[in-house]
């Protein structure tokens, strides 16, 4: 199973859009999604505060907003062929 982290925070309109996209994809593609609230961690706020929403993949690579489901699927396909 593919594992994704989605870095987000409360009140972020773009994060809400990203979560909707990724949840739909996660259900369809059996992806394990973990939404990370950056507001609870000062280091995460410093690292991701101006970049959220950000998706982090199992290989630690990341994609920044704007992204869509095709971007995520392409990255997953590339990641699984590299294993």
PDB file of N, CA and C in Angstrom:
ATOM      1  N   UNK A   1       0.843  -1.188   0.000  1.00  0.00           N
ATOM      2  CA  UNK A   1       0.000   0.000   0.000  1.00  0.00           C
ATOM      3  C   UNK A   1       0.883   1.244   0.000  1.00  0.00           C
ATOM      4  N   UNK A   2       0.468   2.226  -0.753  1.00  0.00           N
ATOM      5  CA  UNK A   2       1.173   3.504  -0.847  1.00  0.00           C
ATOM      6  C   UNK A   2       0.797   4.361   0.355  1.00  0.00           C
ATOM      7  N   UNK A   3       1.794   5.019   0.938  1.00  0.00           N
ATOM      8  CA  UNK A   3       1.575   5.918   2.068  1.00  0.00           C
ATOM      9  C   UNK A   3       1.887   7.349   1.637  1.00  0.00           C
ATOM     10  N   UNK A   4       0.969   8.252   1.935  1.00  0.00           N
ATOM     11  CA  UNK A   4       1.161   9.668   1.652  1.00  0.00           C
ATOM     12  C   UNK A   4       0.918  10.481   2.914  1.00  0.00           C
ATOM     13  N   UNK A   5       1.680  11.560   3.053  1.00  0.00           N
ATOM     14  CA  UNK A   5       1.418  12.547   4.091  1.00  0.00           C
ATOM     15  C   UNK A   5       0.995  13.831   3.388  1.00  0.00           C
ATOM     16  N   UNK A   6      -0.028  14.452   3.903  1.00  0.00           N
ATOM     17  CA  UNK A   6      -0.478  15.740   3.377  1.00  0.00           C
ATOM     18  C   UNK A   6      -0.329  16.764   4.492  1.00  0.00           C
ATOM     19  N   UNK A   7       0.589  17.706   4.313  1.00  0.00           N
ATOM     20  CA  UNK A   7       0.818  18.751   5.303  1.00  0.00           C
ATOM     21  C   UNK A   7      -0.186  19.865   5.074  1.00  0.00           C
ATOM     22  N   UNK A   8      -0.864  20.240   6.157  1.00  0.00           N
ATOM     23  CA  UNK A   8      -2.007  21.141   6.080  1.00  0.00           C
ATOM     24  C   UNK A   8      -2.112  21.920   7.382  1.00  0.00           C
ATOM     25  N   UNK A   9      -3.054  22.853   7.417  1.00  0.00           N
ATOM     26  CA  UNK A   9      -3.374  23.523   8.669  1.00  0.00           C
ATOM     27  C   UNK A   9      -4.817  24.018   8.626  1.00  0.00           C
ATOM     28  N   UNK A  10      -5.363  24.243   9.785  1.00  0.00           N
ATOM     29  CA  UNK A  10      -6.748  24.712   9.900  1.00  0.00           C
ATOM     30  C   UNK A  10      -6.894  26.082   9.245  1.00  0.00           C
ATOM     31  N   UNK A  11      -8.017  26.283   8.569  1.00  0.00           N
ATOM     32  CA  UNK A  11      -8.302  27.569   7.958  1.00  0.00           C
ATOM     33  C   UNK A  11      -7.618  27.809   6.625  1.00  0.00           C
ATOM     34  N   UNK A  12      -6.971  26.804   6.089  1.00  0.00           N
ATOM     35  CA  UNK A  12      -6.266  26.919   4.809  1.00  0.00           C
ATOM     36  C   UNK A  12      -7.190  26.429   3.699  1.00  0.00           C
ATOM     37  N   UNK A  13      -7.709  27.354   2.905  1.00  0.00           N
ATOM     38  CA  UNK A  13      -8.644  27.018   1.823  1.00  0.00           C
ATOM     39  C   UNK A  13      -8.022  26.061   0.804  1.00  0.00           C
ATOM     40  N   UNK A  14      -6.781  26.317   0.426  1.00  0.00           N
ATOM     41  CA  UNK A  14      -6.109  25.433  -0.530  1.00  0.00           C
ATOM     42  C   UNK A  14      -5.908  24.041   0.055  1.00  0.00           C
ATOM     43  N   UNK A  15      -5.653  23.979   1.354  1.00  0.00           N
ATOM     44  CA  UNK A  15      -5.489  22.682   2.013  1.00  0.00           C
ATOM     45  C   UNK A  15      -6.786  21.886   1.960  1.00  0.00           C
ATOM     46  N   UNK A  16      -7.893  22.556   2.154  1.00  0.00           N
ATOM     47  CA  UNK A  16      -9.192  21.878   2.083  1.00  0.00           C
ATOM     48  C   UNK A  16      -9.429  21.305   0.692  1.00  0.00           C
ATOM     49  N   UNK A  17      -9.077  22.064  -0.343  1.00  0.00           N
ATOM     50  CA  UNK A  17      -9.208  21.571  -1.718  1.00  0.00           C
ATOM     51  C   UNK A  17      -8.307  20.359  -1.945  1.00  0.00           C
ATOM     52  N   UNK A  18      -7.082  20.447  -1.455  1.00  0.00           N
ATOM     53  CA  UNK A  18      -6.134  19.345  -1.621  1.00  0.00           C
ATOM     54  C   UNK A  18      -6.612  18.093  -0.895  1.00  0.00           C
ATOM     55  N   UNK A  19      -7.115  18.255   0.313  1.00  0.00           N
ATOM     56  CA  UNK A  19      -7.602  17.108   1.088  1.00  0.00           C
ATOM     57  C   UNK A  19      -8.740  16.420   0.347  1.00  0.00           C
ATOM     58  N   UNK A  20      -9.664  17.193  -0.210  1.00  0.00           N
ATOM     59  CA  UNK A  20     -10.768  16.597  -0.977  1.00  0.00           C
ATOM     60  C   UNK A  20     -10.243  15.766  -2.140  1.00  0.00           C
ATOM     61  N   UNK A  21      -9.280  16.316  -2.880  1.00  0.00           N
ATOM     62  CA  UNK A  21      -8.690  15.598  -4.014  1.00  0.00           C
ATOM     63  C   UNK A  21      -8.018  14.306  -3.575  1.00  0.00           C
ATOM     64  N   UNK A  22      -7.213  14.410  -2.544  1.00  0.00           N
ATOM     65  CA  UNK A  22      -6.404  13.267  -2.135  1.00  0.00           C
ATOM     66  C   UNK A  22      -7.263  12.195  -1.471  1.00  0.00           C
ATOM     67  N   UNK A  23      -8.270  12.572  -0.705  1.00  0.00           N
ATOM     68  CA  UNK A  23      -9.150  11.573  -0.088  1.00  0.00           C
ATOM     69  C   UNK A  23      -9.876  10.771  -1.169  1.00  0.00           C
ATOM     70  N   UNK A  24     -10.389  11.446  -2.173  1.00  0.00           N
ATOM     71  CA  UNK A  24     -11.056  10.749  -3.275  1.00  0.00           C
ATOM     72  C   UNK A  24     -10.101   9.765  -3.938  1.00  0.00           C
ATOM     73  N   UNK A  25      -8.887  10.200  -4.186  1.00  0.00           N
ATOM     74  CA  UNK A  25      -7.877   9.350  -4.802  1.00  0.00           C
ATOM     75  C   UNK A  25      -7.473   8.206  -3.877  1.00  0.00           C
ATOM     76  N   UNK A  26      -7.323   8.503  -2.597  1.00  0.00           N
ATOM     77  CA  UNK A  26      -6.916   7.478  -1.631  1.00  0.00           C
ATOM     78  C   UNK A  26      -7.926   6.342  -1.568  1.00  0.00           C
ATOM     79  N   UNK A  27      -9.193   6.673  -1.612  1.00  0.00           N
ATOM     80  CA  UNK A  27     -10.236   5.642  -1.582  1.00  0.00           C
ATOM     81  C   UNK A  27     -10.183   4.809  -2.860  1.00  0.00           C
ATOM     82  N   UNK A  28     -10.082   5.464  -3.997  1.00  0.00           N
ATOM     83  CA  UNK A  28     -10.095   4.760  -5.283  1.00  0.00           C
ATOM     84  C   UNK A  28      -8.852   3.904  -5.500  1.00  0.00           C
ATOM     85  N   UNK A  29      -7.713   4.360  -5.012  1.00  0.00           N
ATOM     86  CA  UNK A  29      -6.438   3.691  -5.290  1.00  0.00           C
ATOM     87  C   UNK A  29      -5.858   2.952  -4.083  1.00  0.00           C
ATOM     88  N   UNK A  30      -6.601   2.851  -3.010  1.00  0.00           N
ATOM     89  CA  UNK A  30      -6.149   2.191  -1.780  1.00  0.00           C
ATOM     90  C   UNK A  30      -4.819   2.781  -1.289  1.00  0.00           C
ATOM     91  N   UNK A  31      -4.845   4.080  -1.099  1.00  0.00           N
ATOM     92  CA  UNK A  31      -3.690   4.818  -0.601  1.00  0.00           C
ATOM     93  C   UNK A  31      -3.928   5.148   0.860  1.00  0.00           C
ATOM     94  N   UNK A  32      -2.909   4.939   1.672  1.00  0.00           N
ATOM     95  CA  UNK A  32      -2.973   5.288   3.085  1.00  0.00           C
ATOM     96  C   UNK A  32      -2.581   6.765   3.220  1.00  0.00           C
ATOM     97  N   UNK A  33      -3.525   7.591   3.626  1.00  0.00           N
ATOM     98  CA  UNK A  33      -3.308   9.032   3.727  1.00  0.00           C
ATOM     99  C   UNK A  33      -3.249   9.454   5.181  1.00  0.00           C
ATOM    100  N   UNK A  34      -2.209  10.220   5.509  1.00  0.00           N
ATOM    101  CA  UNK A  34      -2.074  10.794   6.847  1.00  0.00           C
ATOM    102  C   UNK A  34      -2.007  12.315   6.685  1.00  0.00           C
ATOM    103  N   UNK A  35      -3.023  13.011   7.192  1.00  0.00           N
ATOM    104  CA  UNK A  35      -3.035  14.473   7.142  1.00  0.00           C
ATOM    105  C   UNK A  35      -2.300  14.985   8.376  1.00  0.00           C
ATOM    106  N   UNK A  36      -1.272  15.787   8.147  1.00  0.00           N
ATOM    107  CA  UNK A  36      -0.427  16.305   9.222  1.00  0.00           C
ATOM    108  C   UNK A  36      -0.769  17.774   9.450  1.00  0.00           C
ATOM    109  N   UNK A  37      -1.200  18.099  10.662  1.00  0.00           N
ATOM    110  CA  UNK A  37      -1.501  19.474  11.061  1.00  0.00           C
ATOM    111  C   UNK A  37      -0.188  20.149  11.441  1.00  0.00           C
ATOM    112  N   UNK A  38       0.281  21.071  10.601  1.00  0.00           N
ATOM    113  CA  UNK A  38       1.575  21.691  10.875  1.00  0.00           C
ATOM    114  C   UNK A  38       1.510  22.683  12.025  1.00  0.00           C
ATOM    115  N   UNK A  39       0.325  23.205  12.332  1.00  0.00           N
ATOM    116  CA  UNK A  39       0.178  24.203  13.384  1.00  0.00           C
ATOM    117  C   UNK A  39       0.543  23.705  14.765  1.00  0.00           C
ATOM    118  N   UNK A  40       0.642  22.388  14.915  1.00  0.00           N
ATOM    119  CA  UNK A  40       0.985  21.801  16.209  1.00  0.00           C
ATOM    120  C   UNK A  40       2.485  21.666  16.424  1.00  0.00           C
ATOM    121  N   UNK A  41       3.289  22.052  15.441  1.00  0.00           N
ATOM    122  CA  UNK A  41       4.733  21.823  15.511  1.00  0.00           C
ATOM    123  C   UNK A  41       5.458  23.013  14.874  1.00  0.00           C
ATOM    124  N   UNK A  42       6.204  23.753  15.683  1.00  0.00           N
ATOM    125  CA  UNK A  42       6.898  24.945  15.188  1.00  0.00           C
ATOM    126  C   UNK A  42       7.859  24.629  14.046  1.00  0.00           C
ATOM    127  N   UNK A  43       8.528  23.475  14.111  1.00  0.00           N
ATOM    128  CA  UNK A  43       9.453  23.100  13.042  1.00  0.00           C
ATOM    129  C   UNK A  43       8.715  22.878  11.723  1.00  0.00           C
ATOM    130  N   UNK A  44       7.544  22.244  11.799  1.00  0.00           N
ATOM    131  CA  UNK A  44       6.754  22.027  10.587  1.00  0.00           C
ATOM    132  C   UNK A  44       6.217  23.342  10.038  1.00  0.00           C
ATOM    133  N   UNK A  45       5.832  24.255  10.924  1.00  0.00           N
ATOM    134  CA  UNK A  45       5.375  25.578  10.475  1.00  0.00           C
ATOM    135  C   UNK A  45       6.501  26.280   9.727  1.00  0.00           C
ATOM    136  N   UNK A  46       7.704  26.213  10.269  1.00  0.00           N
ATOM    137  CA  UNK A  46       8.850  26.846   9.615  1.00  0.00           C
ATOM    138  C   UNK A  46       9.140  26.200   8.256  1.00  0.00           C
ATOM    139  N   UNK A  47       9.055  24.874   8.209  1.00  0.00           N
ATOM    140  CA  UNK A  47       9.388  24.149   6.989  1.00  0.00           C
ATOM    141  C   UNK A  47       8.310  24.259   5.907  1.00  0.00           C
ATOM    142  N   UNK A  48       7.031  24.204   6.313  1.00  0.00           N
ATOM    143  CA  UNK A  48       5.940  24.112   5.342  1.00  0.00           C
ATOM    144  C   UNK A  48       4.978  25.300   5.340  1.00  0.00           C
ATOM    145  N   UNK A  49       5.127  26.227   6.265  1.00  0.00           N
ATOM    146  CA  UNK A  49       4.139  27.284   6.462  1.00  0.00           C
ATOM    147  C   UNK A  49       3.709  28.037   5.222  1.00  0.00           C
ATOM    148  N   UNK A  50       4.646  28.408   4.361  1.00  0.00           N
ATOM    149  CA  UNK A  50       4.288  29.168   3.162  1.00  0.00           C
ATOM    150  C   UNK A  50       4.088  28.267   1.943  1.00  0.00           C
ATOM    151  N   UNK A  51       4.297  26.957   2.109  1.00  0.00           N
ATOM    152  CA  UNK A  51       4.219  26.029   0.971  1.00  0.00           C
ATOM    153  C   UNK A  51       2.972  25.153   0.980  1.00  0.00           C
ATOM    154  N   UNK A  52       2.247  25.096   2.094  1.00  0.00           N
ATOM    155  CA  UNK A  52       1.124  24.161   2.187  1.00  0.00           C
ATOM    156  C   UNK A  52       0.026  24.527   1.209  1.00  0.00           C
ATOM    157  N   UNK A  53      -0.698  23.525   0.759  1.00  0.00           N
ATOM    158  CA  UNK A  53      -0.579  22.108   1.060  1.00  0.00           C
ATOM    159  C   UNK A  53       0.593  21.456   0.311  1.00  0.00           C
ATOM    160  N   UNK A  54       1.215  20.492   0.977  1.00  0.00           N
ATOM    161  CA  UNK A  54       2.341  19.743   0.417  1.00  0.00           C
ATOM    162  C   UNK A  54       2.072  18.263   0.638  1.00  0.00           C
ATOM    163  N   UNK A  55       2.332  17.461  -0.398  1.00  0.00           N
ATOM    164  CA  UNK A  55       2.235  16.010  -0.259  1.00  0.00           C
ATOM    165  C   UNK A  55       3.641  15.446  -0.197  1.00  0.00           C
ATOM    166  N   UNK A  56       3.859  14.577   0.791  1.00  0.00           N
ATOM    167  CA  UNK A  56       5.137  13.883   0.941  1.00  0.00           C
ATOM    168  C   UNK A  56       4.909  12.406   0.663  1.00  0.00           C
ATOM    169  N   UNK A  57       5.768  11.843  -0.178  1.00  0.00           N
ATOM    170  CA  UNK A  57       5.655  10.455  -0.590  1.00  0.00           C
ATOM    171  C   UNK A  57       6.574   9.566   0.238  1.00  0.00           C
ATOM    172  N   UNK A  58       6.432   8.270   0.064  1.00  0.00           N
ATOM    173  CA  UNK A  58       7.210   7.289   0.834  1.00  0.00           C
ATOM    174  C   UNK A  58       8.713   7.469   0.658  1.00  0.00           C
ATOM    175  N   UNK A  59       9.129   7.956  -0.516  1.00  0.00           N
ATOM    176  CA  UNK A  59      10.563   8.146  -0.764  1.00  0.00           C
ATOM    177  C   UNK A  59      11.055   9.508  -0.273  1.00  0.00           C
ATOM    178  N   UNK A  60      10.223  10.207   0.484  1.00  0.00           N
ATOM    179  CA  UNK A  60      10.499  11.530   1.057  1.00  0.00           C
ATOM    180  C   UNK A  60      10.484  12.664   0.037  1.00  0.00           C
ATOM    181  N   UNK A  61      10.148  12.386  -1.207  1.00  0.00           N
ATOM    182  CA  UNK A  61       9.988  13.472  -2.172  1.00  0.00           C
ATOM    183  C   UNK A  61       8.658  14.168  -1.896  1.00  0.00           C
ATOM    184  N   UNK A  62       8.551  15.391  -2.356  1.00  0.00           N
ATOM    185  CA  UNK A  62       7.363  16.199  -2.078  1.00  0.00           C
ATOM    186  C   UNK A  62       6.884  16.897  -3.346  1.00  0.00           C
ATOM    187  N   UNK A  63       5.579  17.161  -3.375  1.00  0.00           N
ATOM    188  CA  UNK A  63       5.038  18.055  -4.394  1.00  0.00           C
ATOM    189  C   UNK A  63       4.239  19.144  -3.686  1.00  0.00           C
ATOM    190  N   UNK A  64       4.424  20.347  -4.175  1.00  0.00           N
ATOM    191  CA  UNK A  64       3.755  21.514  -3.606  1.00  0.00           C
ATOM    192  C   UNK A  64       2.513  21.839  -4.422  1.00  0.00           C
ATOM    193  N   UNK A  65       1.583  22.522  -3.790  1.00  0.00           N
ATOM    194  CA  UNK A  65       0.401  23.023  -4.474  1.00  0.00           C
ATOM    195  C   UNK A  65       0.840  24.044  -5.510  1.00  0.00           C
ATOM    196  N   UNK A  66       0.277  24.093  -6.694  1.00  0.00           N
ATOM    197  CA  UNK A  66      -0.903  23.347  -7.115  1.00  0.00           C
ATOM    198  C   UNK A  66      -0.539  21.971  -7.665  1.00  0.00           C
ATOM    199  N   UNK A  67      -1.344  20.986  -7.311  1.00  0.00           N
ATOM    200  CA  UNK A  67      -1.220  19.643  -7.867  1.00  0.00           C
ATOM    201  C   UNK A  67      -2.620  19.099  -8.068  1.00  0.00           C
ATOM    202  N   UNK A  68      -2.707  18.042  -8.871  1.00  0.00           N
ATOM    203  CA  UNK A  68      -3.997  17.403  -9.090  1.00  0.00           C
ATOM    204  C   UNK A  68      -3.833  15.891  -8.955  1.00  0.00           C
ATOM    205  N   UNK A  69      -4.902  15.168  -9.124  1.00  0.00           N
ATOM    206  CA  UNK A  69      -4.844  13.722  -8.947  1.00  0.00           C
ATOM    207  C   UNK A  69      -3.885  13.073  -9.939  1.00  0.00           C
ATOM    208  N   UNK A  70      -3.826  13.571 -11.164  1.00  0.00           N
ATOM    209  CA  UNK A  70      -2.897  13.008 -12.146  1.00  0.00           C
ATOM    210  C   UNK A  70      -1.447  13.195 -11.724  1.00  0.00           C
ATOM    211  N   UNK A  71      -1.112  14.350 -11.150  1.00  0.00           N
ATOM    212  CA  UNK A  71       0.245  14.586 -10.650  1.00  0.00           C
ATOM    213  C   UNK A  71       0.608  13.553  -9.584  1.00  0.00           C
ATOM    214  N   UNK A  72      -0.324  13.300  -8.695  1.00  0.00           N
ATOM    215  CA  UNK A  72      -0.090  12.343  -7.606  1.00  0.00           C
ATOM    216  C   UNK A  72       0.076  10.936  -8.171  1.00  0.00           C
ATOM    217  N   UNK A  73      -0.811  10.546  -9.085  1.00  0.00           N
ATOM    218  CA  UNK A  73      -0.732   9.208  -9.680  1.00  0.00           C
ATOM    219  C   UNK A  73       0.559   9.017 -10.466  1.00  0.00           C
ATOM    220  N   UNK A  74       1.008  10.032 -11.180  1.00  0.00           N
ATOM    221  CA  UNK A  74       2.271   9.933 -11.917  1.00  0.00           C
ATOM    222  C   UNK A  74       3.438   9.737 -10.965  1.00  0.00           C
ATOM    223  N   UNK A  75       3.433  10.468  -9.873  1.00  0.00           N
ATOM    224  CA  UNK A  75       4.510  10.336  -8.889  1.00  0.00           C
ATOM    225  C   UNK A  75       4.479   8.955  -8.250  1.00  0.00           C
ATOM    226  N   UNK A  76       3.304   8.451  -7.930  1.00  0.00           N
ATOM    227  CA  UNK A  76       3.182   7.115  -7.345  1.00  0.00           C
ATOM    228  C   UNK A  76       3.674   6.062  -8.337  1.00  0.00           C
ATOM    229  N   UNK A  77       3.299   6.198  -9.604  1.00  0.00           N
ATOM    230  CA  UNK A  77       3.740   5.244 -10.625  1.00  0.00           C
ATOM    231  C   UNK A  77       5.257   5.259 -10.747  1.00  0.00           C
ATOM    232  N   UNK A  78       5.850   6.441 -10.737  1.00  0.00           N
ATOM    233  CA  UNK A  78       7.306   6.558 -10.813  1.00  0.00           C
ATOM    234  C   UNK A  78       7.955   5.937  -9.581  1.00  0.00           C
ATOM    235  N   UNK A  79       7.392   6.221  -8.416  1.00  0.00           N
ATOM    236  CA  UNK A  79       7.940   5.705  -7.158  1.00  0.00           C
ATOM    237  C   UNK A  79       7.892   4.182  -7.122  1.00  0.00           C
ATOM    238  N   UNK A  80       6.799   3.587  -7.558  1.00  0.00           N
ATOM    239  CA  UNK A  80       6.668   2.130  -7.491  1.00  0.00           C
ATOM    240  C   UNK A  80       7.552   1.433  -8.519  1.00  0.00           C
ATOM    241  N   UNK A  81       7.881   2.088  -9.628  1.00  0.00           N
ATOM    242  CA  UNK A  81       8.792   1.470 -10.593  1.00  0.00           C
ATOM    243  C   UNK A  81      10.235   1.562 -10.129  1.00  0.00           C
ATOM    244  N   UNK A  82      10.527   2.492  -9.235  1.00  0.00           N
ATOM    245  CA  UNK A  82      11.877   2.651  -8.704  1.00  0.00           C
ATOM    246  C   UNK A  82      12.202   1.634  -7.617  1.00  0.00           C
ATOM    247  N   UNK A  83      11.190   0.972  -7.053  1.00  0.00           N
ATOM    248  CA  UNK A  83      11.411   0.025  -5.952  1.00  0.00           C
ATOM    249  C   UNK A  83      12.065  -1.213  -6.395  1.00  0.00           C
TER     250      UNK A  83
END
